[in-house]
């Protein structure tokens, strides 16, 4: 959600701090992406590892789709930035 808020601040008022924060928010989302499991976790340990507990195994496809949507929007805003 913070990613989308930052995007709106950049697009509507040109907020420079929000522009800087966008990359940090995307990096934070990447911590939750587990390529080996082909999913986006809801919670991870501080080091980014999967938590062996029911809360650590929770997935919410809606949140994964929402995060992907925000990242795709950012890539479009940047003109197709592959990062």
N, C-alpha and C. Protein backbone atom coordinates (compact mmCIF):
# COMPACT_ATOMS: atom_id res chain seq x y z
N UNK A 1 0.83 -1.19 0.00
CA UNK A 1 0.00 0.00 0.00
C UNK A 1 0.87 1.26 0.00
N UNK A 2 1.97 1.24 0.77
CA UNK A 2 2.85 2.41 0.79
C UNK A 2 3.41 2.70 -0.60
N UNK A 3 3.67 1.64 -1.36
CA UNK A 3 4.18 1.82 -2.72
C UNK A 3 3.18 2.61 -3.55
N UNK A 4 1.92 2.26 -3.46
CA UNK A 4 0.90 2.94 -4.25
C UNK A 4 0.72 4.38 -3.78
N UNK A 5 0.78 4.61 -2.49
CA UNK A 5 0.68 5.98 -1.96
C UNK A 5 1.85 6.81 -2.47
N UNK A 6 3.06 6.25 -2.43
CA UNK A 6 4.23 6.98 -2.93
C UNK A 6 4.08 7.28 -4.42
N UNK A 7 3.56 6.33 -5.18
CA UNK A 7 3.35 6.55 -6.61
C UNK A 7 2.39 7.72 -6.84
N UNK A 8 1.34 7.78 -6.06
CA UNK A 8 0.37 8.86 -6.21
C UNK A 8 0.99 10.21 -5.85
N UNK A 9 1.82 10.23 -4.80
CA UNK A 9 2.49 11.48 -4.42
C UNK A 9 3.43 11.96 -5.52
N UNK A 10 4.14 11.03 -6.14
CA UNK A 10 5.05 11.39 -7.23
C UNK A 10 4.27 11.90 -8.43
N UNK A 11 3.23 11.17 -8.81
CA UNK A 11 2.47 11.51 -10.01
C UNK A 11 1.69 12.81 -9.86
N UNK A 12 1.23 13.11 -8.66
CA UNK A 12 0.35 14.26 -8.48
C UNK A 12 1.03 15.52 -7.98
N UNK A 13 2.09 15.36 -7.17
CA UNK A 13 2.75 16.58 -6.67
C UNK A 13 4.27 16.54 -6.85
N UNK A 14 4.78 15.49 -7.50
CA UNK A 14 6.22 15.42 -7.76
C UNK A 14 7.07 15.29 -6.52
N UNK A 15 6.56 14.63 -5.50
CA UNK A 15 7.27 14.49 -4.23
C UNK A 15 8.57 13.70 -4.41
N UNK A 16 9.72 14.35 -4.17
CA UNK A 16 11.03 13.72 -4.37
C UNK A 16 11.32 12.62 -3.35
N UNK A 17 10.91 12.81 -2.10
CA UNK A 17 11.12 11.78 -1.09
C UNK A 17 10.34 10.52 -1.45
N UNK A 18 9.11 10.70 -1.90
CA UNK A 18 8.30 9.55 -2.30
C UNK A 18 8.96 8.82 -3.46
N UNK A 19 9.54 9.56 -4.38
CA UNK A 19 10.25 8.95 -5.52
C UNK A 19 11.38 8.05 -5.02
N UNK A 20 12.13 8.52 -4.04
CA UNK A 20 13.22 7.73 -3.46
C UNK A 20 12.70 6.49 -2.73
N UNK A 21 11.56 6.62 -2.08
CA UNK A 21 11.01 5.54 -1.28
C UNK A 21 10.46 4.40 -2.14
N UNK A 22 10.07 4.69 -3.37
CA UNK A 22 9.47 3.67 -4.23
C UNK A 22 10.40 2.46 -4.38
N UNK A 23 11.68 2.70 -4.67
CA UNK A 23 12.62 1.58 -4.81
C UNK A 23 12.75 0.80 -3.51
N UNK A 24 12.74 1.49 -2.38
CA UNK A 24 12.83 0.80 -1.09
C UNK A 24 11.60 -0.08 -0.85
N UNK A 25 10.42 0.42 -1.22
CA UNK A 25 9.21 -0.38 -1.05
C UNK A 25 9.23 -1.61 -1.95
N UNK A 26 9.71 -1.45 -3.18
CA UNK A 26 9.81 -2.60 -4.09
C UNK A 26 10.81 -3.61 -3.54
N UNK A 27 11.94 -3.14 -3.03
CA UNK A 27 12.93 -4.05 -2.44
C UNK A 27 12.33 -4.80 -1.25
N UNK A 28 11.51 -4.12 -0.47
CA UNK A 28 10.88 -4.78 0.68
C UNK A 28 9.92 -5.87 0.22
N UNK A 29 9.16 -5.61 -0.82
CA UNK A 29 8.25 -6.62 -1.36
C UNK A 29 9.04 -7.84 -1.82
N UNK A 30 10.19 -7.62 -2.43
CA UNK A 30 11.01 -8.73 -2.94
C UNK A 30 11.45 -9.69 -1.83
N UNK A 31 11.55 -9.21 -0.61
CA UNK A 31 11.92 -10.08 0.52
C UNK A 31 10.86 -11.16 0.72
N UNK A 32 9.61 -10.86 0.40
CA UNK A 32 8.51 -11.78 0.61
C UNK A 32 8.29 -12.73 -0.57
N UNK A 33 8.94 -12.45 -1.68
CA UNK A 33 8.81 -13.30 -2.88
C UNK A 33 9.76 -14.48 -2.73
N UNK A 34 9.20 -15.67 -2.83
CA UNK A 34 9.99 -16.91 -2.70
C UNK A 34 9.90 -17.66 -4.02
N UNK A 35 10.93 -17.47 -4.86
CA UNK A 35 10.95 -18.11 -6.18
C UNK A 35 10.90 -19.63 -6.08
N UNK A 36 11.60 -20.20 -5.10
CA UNK A 36 11.63 -21.65 -4.97
C UNK A 36 10.26 -22.23 -4.63
N UNK A 37 9.43 -21.45 -3.96
CA UNK A 37 8.07 -21.88 -3.61
C UNK A 37 7.02 -21.35 -4.58
N UNK A 38 7.46 -20.46 -5.48
CA UNK A 38 6.58 -19.83 -6.46
C UNK A 38 5.40 -19.13 -5.78
N UNK A 39 5.73 -18.31 -4.77
CA UNK A 39 4.68 -17.60 -4.06
C UNK A 39 5.23 -16.33 -3.41
N UNK A 40 4.29 -15.55 -2.91
CA UNK A 40 4.61 -14.36 -2.11
C UNK A 40 4.07 -14.63 -0.71
N UNK A 41 4.97 -14.67 0.26
CA UNK A 41 4.58 -14.97 1.63
C UNK A 41 3.95 -13.74 2.29
N UNK A 42 3.08 -13.99 3.25
CA UNK A 42 2.49 -12.90 4.03
C UNK A 42 3.46 -12.43 5.11
N UNK A 43 4.21 -13.37 5.69
CA UNK A 43 5.17 -13.04 6.75
C UNK A 43 6.45 -13.83 6.50
N UNK A 44 7.56 -13.20 6.82
CA UNK A 44 8.86 -13.88 6.77
C UNK A 44 9.64 -13.48 8.02
N UNK A 45 10.69 -14.24 8.30
CA UNK A 45 11.58 -13.91 9.42
C UNK A 45 12.36 -12.64 9.09
N UNK A 46 12.95 -11.99 10.09
CA UNK A 46 13.73 -10.77 9.83
C UNK A 46 14.81 -10.94 8.76
N UNK A 47 15.34 -12.16 8.62
CA UNK A 47 16.36 -12.38 7.59
C UNK A 47 15.75 -12.75 6.23
N UNK A 48 14.43 -12.77 6.14
CA UNK A 48 13.75 -13.06 4.88
C UNK A 48 13.41 -14.52 4.67
N UNK A 49 13.80 -15.37 5.61
CA UNK A 49 13.52 -16.80 5.46
C UNK A 49 12.06 -17.10 5.83
N UNK A 50 11.59 -18.24 5.33
CA UNK A 50 10.23 -18.68 5.63
C UNK A 50 10.18 -19.14 7.08
N UNK A 51 9.14 -18.73 7.79
CA UNK A 51 8.96 -19.10 9.19
C UNK A 51 8.21 -20.43 9.25
N UNK A 52 8.75 -21.40 9.98
CA UNK A 52 8.12 -22.71 10.09
C UNK A 52 7.05 -22.68 11.18
N UNK A 53 5.98 -22.01 10.87
CA UNK A 53 4.84 -21.86 11.78
C UNK A 53 3.63 -21.57 10.91
N UNK A 54 2.44 -21.80 11.41
CA UNK A 54 1.25 -21.59 10.59
C UNK A 54 1.18 -20.17 10.03
N UNK A 55 1.56 -19.17 10.83
CA UNK A 55 1.55 -17.79 10.34
C UNK A 55 2.59 -17.59 9.24
N UNK A 56 3.69 -18.30 9.34
CA UNK A 56 4.75 -18.19 8.35
C UNK A 56 4.45 -18.91 7.05
N UNK A 57 3.43 -19.75 7.06
CA UNK A 57 3.05 -20.48 5.85
C UNK A 57 1.79 -19.91 5.21
N UNK A 58 1.34 -18.76 5.70
CA UNK A 58 0.12 -18.15 5.18
C UNK A 58 0.39 -17.43 3.86
N UNK A 59 -0.50 -17.65 2.91
CA UNK A 59 -0.44 -16.98 1.62
C UNK A 59 -1.75 -16.25 1.38
N UNK A 60 -1.70 -15.11 0.73
CA UNK A 60 -2.91 -14.39 0.34
C UNK A 60 -2.73 -13.98 -1.11
N UNK A 61 -3.33 -14.74 -2.04
CA UNK A 61 -3.15 -14.43 -3.46
C UNK A 61 -3.56 -13.00 -3.81
N UNK A 62 -4.54 -12.46 -3.12
CA UNK A 62 -4.98 -11.09 -3.39
C UNK A 62 -3.88 -10.08 -3.11
N UNK A 63 -3.14 -10.28 -2.04
CA UNK A 63 -2.03 -9.38 -1.71
C UNK A 63 -0.90 -9.51 -2.73
N UNK A 64 -0.64 -10.74 -3.18
CA UNK A 64 0.39 -10.95 -4.20
C UNK A 64 0.01 -10.26 -5.51
N UNK A 65 -1.24 -10.38 -5.91
CA UNK A 65 -1.72 -9.73 -7.13
C UNK A 65 -1.64 -8.22 -6.99
N UNK A 66 -2.05 -7.71 -5.84
CA UNK A 66 -2.01 -6.27 -5.59
C UNK A 66 -0.58 -5.74 -5.68
N UNK A 67 0.36 -6.43 -5.06
CA UNK A 67 1.76 -6.00 -5.10
C UNK A 67 2.29 -6.03 -6.53
N UNK A 68 1.94 -7.08 -7.27
CA UNK A 68 2.37 -7.16 -8.68
C UNK A 68 1.80 -6.01 -9.49
N UNK A 69 0.56 -5.67 -9.24
CA UNK A 69 -0.10 -4.57 -9.95
C UNK A 69 0.64 -3.26 -9.69
N UNK A 70 0.99 -2.99 -8.44
CA UNK A 70 1.71 -1.76 -8.11
C UNK A 70 3.09 -1.73 -8.77
N UNK A 71 3.77 -2.88 -8.77
CA UNK A 71 5.10 -2.93 -9.38
C UNK A 71 5.01 -2.77 -10.90
N UNK A 72 4.02 -3.39 -11.52
CA UNK A 72 3.83 -3.21 -12.96
C UNK A 72 3.49 -1.76 -13.30
N UNK A 73 2.70 -1.13 -12.45
CA UNK A 73 2.38 0.29 -12.65
C UNK A 73 3.66 1.12 -12.60
N UNK A 74 4.54 0.79 -11.68
CA UNK A 74 5.80 1.53 -11.56
C UNK A 74 6.68 1.30 -12.78
N UNK A 75 6.73 0.07 -13.26
CA UNK A 75 7.52 -0.22 -14.47
C UNK A 75 6.98 0.58 -15.65
N UNK A 76 5.67 0.66 -15.77
CA UNK A 76 5.05 1.44 -16.85
C UNK A 76 5.39 2.92 -16.68
N UNK A 77 5.32 3.42 -15.45
CA UNK A 77 5.62 4.83 -15.19
C UNK A 77 7.06 5.16 -15.57
N UNK A 78 7.96 4.19 -15.39
CA UNK A 78 9.37 4.39 -15.70
C UNK A 78 9.70 4.08 -17.16
N UNK A 79 8.69 3.75 -17.93
CA UNK A 79 8.93 3.46 -19.34
C UNK A 79 9.42 2.05 -19.60
N UNK A 80 9.02 1.11 -18.75
CA UNK A 80 9.38 -0.28 -18.96
C UNK A 80 10.64 -0.72 -18.25
N UNK A 81 11.00 -0.06 -17.18
CA UNK A 81 12.20 -0.40 -16.41
C UNK A 81 12.15 -1.87 -15.98
N UNK A 82 13.12 -2.70 -16.42
CA UNK A 82 13.10 -4.13 -16.08
C UNK A 82 13.41 -4.42 -14.62
N UNK A 83 13.99 -3.48 -13.89
CA UNK A 83 14.32 -3.70 -12.49
C UNK A 83 13.08 -3.53 -11.65
